[in-house]
Amino acid sequence: MSQQLLHLVIGGELTEVRPDVHEFKDLGAVEFVGAFPDYESARMAWKAAAQNTVDNAHMRFFIIHAHKLLDPANGGPQG
């Protein structure tokens, strides 16, 4: 069994369509697509969510590498 590496996929409408802006228009409307045990599963979910909203230029989805945020050896929180 391979190591579980938690990835989260979220998305929502951004305030601006620019590569350097990642601010959501409404945090209450951010969509949680899911939690995934590896990058490839997360990428497939990200791609499907992004393709479903292709007509909205302000809509963006992101993969968050949560395993990097939770790893105490790399400065993440301990719990």
Foldseek 3Di string as FASTA:
>chain_A
DDAFFKKWKKKAFFPDQDPVGDHHPDPVPIDTQDIGRDDVVNVVSLVVVCVVPVVRSRMHMDMDRVSCQADVVNPHDDD
